[in-house]
């Protein structure tokens, strides 16, 4: 199944500069329209808002549990009305080989929404069919993040 890129309305050249409230609202809208199976990768520097965005996507998708960062456990699973949600944080992964112990293949084969922070740590085990989202700090506007979504990641 393929998914059309989800581009925010009025996004000039596929990106938006958002404050935290706008990022949360965008994430909730994204989660509301997301259809499983869907793999979403979220990249960005430390503090860019990856977990904030993942929480918002989960809320929009219907997760009612408290969504927390899986930094130390690496994987959290949540129930939602439409499908399970898996939230992975691969920051502490030393090698893509460690994905096997996380149940990587099983997670990706599920009819689920899968959100991955630090996807670059998955190396060549990351499927090509995913929705990439990138968050970047704006040096001139520390209260805002630049968001790239759905194939506009450079």
Protein backbone atom coordinates (compact mmCIF):
# COMPACT_ATOMS: atom_id res chain seq x y z
CA UNK A 1 0.00 0.00 0.00
CA UNK A 2 1.33 3.43 -0.88
CA UNK A 3 0.47 6.66 0.86
CA UNK A 4 0.33 10.10 -0.64
CA UNK A 5 2.72 12.55 1.02
CA UNK A 6 0.97 14.58 3.70
CA UNK A 7 2.02 18.15 3.10
CA UNK A 8 0.80 20.88 5.44
CA UNK A 9 -1.54 23.44 3.87
CA UNK A 10 0.26 26.57 2.70
CA UNK A 11 3.63 24.84 2.93
CA UNK A 12 5.99 26.81 0.73
CA UNK A 13 8.39 24.33 -0.89
CA UNK A 14 7.30 21.54 1.48
CA UNK A 15 8.35 23.08 4.77
CA UNK A 16 6.98 25.12 7.62
CA UNK A 17 8.54 27.02 10.50
CA UNK A 18 6.45 26.06 13.52
CA UNK A 19 6.43 26.90 17.21
CA UNK A 20 5.71 24.08 19.66
CA UNK A 21 1.92 24.59 19.73
CA UNK A 22 1.80 24.62 15.91
CA UNK A 23 4.00 21.50 15.76
CA UNK A 24 1.65 19.69 18.15
CA UNK A 25 -1.42 20.77 16.15
CA UNK A 26 0.22 19.62 12.89
CA UNK A 27 1.14 16.28 14.47
CA UNK A 28 -2.39 15.74 15.74
CA UNK A 29 -3.81 16.43 12.27
CA UNK A 30 -1.26 14.05 10.73
CA UNK A 31 -2.23 11.34 13.24
CA UNK A 32 -5.91 11.89 12.56
CA UNK A 33 -5.53 11.16 8.82
CA UNK A 34 -2.85 8.45 9.09
CA UNK A 35 -3.84 5.00 7.85
CA UNK A 36 -2.09 1.80 8.96
CA UNK A 37 0.11 0.20 7.88
CA UNK A 38 2.28 3.29 7.94
CA UNK A 39 5.94 3.78 8.83
CA UNK A 40 6.91 7.34 9.77
CA UNK A 41 10.50 8.35 10.40
CA UNK A 42 11.30 11.46 12.41
CA UNK A 43 14.79 12.92 12.18
CA UNK A 44 16.36 15.93 13.83
CA UNK A 45 19.00 17.01 16.29
CA UNK A 46 18.61 16.54 20.04
CA UNK A 47 15.89 18.86 21.27
CA UNK A 48 14.38 19.45 17.84
CA UNK A 49 10.95 18.18 18.93
CA UNK A 50 10.91 14.57 17.66
CA UNK A 51 9.24 13.14 20.77
CA UNK A 52 6.84 16.10 21.00
CA UNK A 53 5.78 15.40 17.42
CA UNK A 54 5.49 11.64 18.03
CA UNK A 55 3.26 12.28 21.07
CA UNK A 56 1.02 14.57 18.99
CA UNK A 57 0.76 12.04 16.15
CA UNK A 58 -0.21 9.35 18.68
CA UNK A 59 -2.85 11.62 20.23
CA UNK A 60 -4.30 12.40 16.80
CA UNK A 61 -4.32 8.70 15.94
CA UNK A 62 -6.40 7.95 19.04
CA UNK A 63 -3.86 6.83 21.64
CA UNK A 64 -5.23 7.75 25.08
CA UNK A 65 -2.30 6.44 27.17
CA UNK A 66 0.46 8.78 28.28
CA UNK A 67 3.00 8.66 25.45
CA UNK A 68 6.56 8.84 26.72
CA UNK A 69 9.97 8.75 25.10
CA UNK A 70 11.28 5.22 24.55
CA UNK A 71 14.89 6.43 24.85
CA UNK A 72 15.91 3.74 27.34
CA UNK A 73 13.45 0.96 26.47
CA UNK A 74 13.82 1.64 22.71
CA UNK A 75 10.24 0.51 21.91
CA UNK A 76 6.85 1.45 23.33
CA UNK A 77 3.60 -0.06 22.11
CA UNK A 78 0.25 1.71 22.47
CA UNK A 79 -3.32 0.69 21.75
CA UNK A 80 -5.43 2.84 19.45
CA UNK A 81 -8.89 2.29 17.96
CA UNK A 82 -7.57 1.75 14.41
CA UNK A 83 -4.42 -0.30 15.04
CA UNK A 84 -1.52 -0.68 17.44
CA UNK A 85 1.09 2.08 17.50
CA UNK A 86 4.80 1.36 17.90
CA UNK A 87 7.09 4.21 18.92
CA UNK A 88 10.80 3.45 18.57
CA UNK A 89 13.79 5.55 19.57
CA UNK A 90 16.94 4.14 17.96
CA UNK A 91 19.34 6.75 19.40
CA UNK A 92 21.09 4.25 21.70
CA UNK A 93 21.40 1.54 19.06
CA UNK A 94 25.04 0.70 18.37
CA UNK A 95 24.39 -1.33 15.21
CA UNK A 96 21.47 -2.14 12.89
CA UNK A 97 22.05 -5.79 13.89
CA UNK A 98 20.53 -4.95 17.30
CA UNK A 99 17.16 -4.35 15.61
CA UNK A 100 16.54 -8.10 15.53
CA UNK A 101 16.41 -8.22 19.34
CA UNK A 102 13.80 -5.44 19.32
CA UNK A 103 11.43 -7.48 17.15
CA UNK A 104 12.07 -5.15 14.20
CA UNK A 105 10.81 -7.50 11.48
CA UNK A 106 7.69 -8.37 13.48
CA UNK A 107 6.92 -4.71 14.18
CA UNK A 108 7.29 -3.72 10.53
CA UNK A 109 5.07 -6.59 9.37
CA UNK A 110 2.19 -5.47 11.62
CA UNK A 111 -0.90 -3.62 10.43
CA UNK A 112 0.21 -0.71 12.62
CA UNK A 113 1.34 2.88 12.79
CA UNK A 114 5.10 2.81 13.41
CA UNK A 115 6.93 5.98 14.49
CA UNK A 116 10.73 5.89 14.50
CA UNK A 117 12.98 8.53 16.03
CA UNK A 118 16.64 8.47 14.93
CA UNK A 119 15.88 6.20 11.92
CA UNK A 120 19.40 6.70 10.54
CA UNK A 121 20.55 4.18 13.19
CA UNK A 122 18.56 1.47 11.36
CA UNK A 123 20.96 1.66 8.42
CA UNK A 124 19.97 -0.45 5.44
CA UNK A 125 17.24 -2.20 7.47
CA UNK A 126 14.97 0.83 7.13
CA UNK A 127 12.39 0.13 4.40
CA UNK A 128 12.28 2.57 1.49
CA UNK A 129 8.50 2.88 1.81
CA UNK A 130 8.08 5.31 4.69
CA UNK A 131 6.98 8.88 5.31
CA UNK A 132 10.04 10.94 6.24
CA UNK A 133 9.65 13.89 8.58
CA UNK A 134 12.58 16.10 9.48
CA UNK A 135 12.73 18.76 12.18
CA UNK A 136 15.49 21.35 12.22
CA UNK A 137 16.42 24.14 14.61
CA UNK A 138 16.20 27.64 13.20
CA UNK A 139 19.24 29.57 14.51
CA UNK A 140 17.52 32.92 14.05
CA UNK A 141 14.27 31.69 15.68
CA UNK A 142 15.02 29.34 18.62
CA UNK A 143 11.28 29.08 19.42
CA UNK A 144 10.55 27.54 15.99
CA UNK A 145 11.38 24.32 14.16
CA UNK A 146 11.55 23.86 10.42
CA UNK A 147 9.41 20.88 9.41
CA UNK A 148 9.92 18.92 6.20
CA UNK A 149 7.44 16.13 5.48
CA UNK A 150 6.54 13.52 2.90
CA UNK A 151 9.37 13.31 0.44
CA UNK A 152 10.65 16.85 0.70
CA UNK A 153 13.48 15.88 3.02
CA UNK A 154 16.84 16.89 1.59
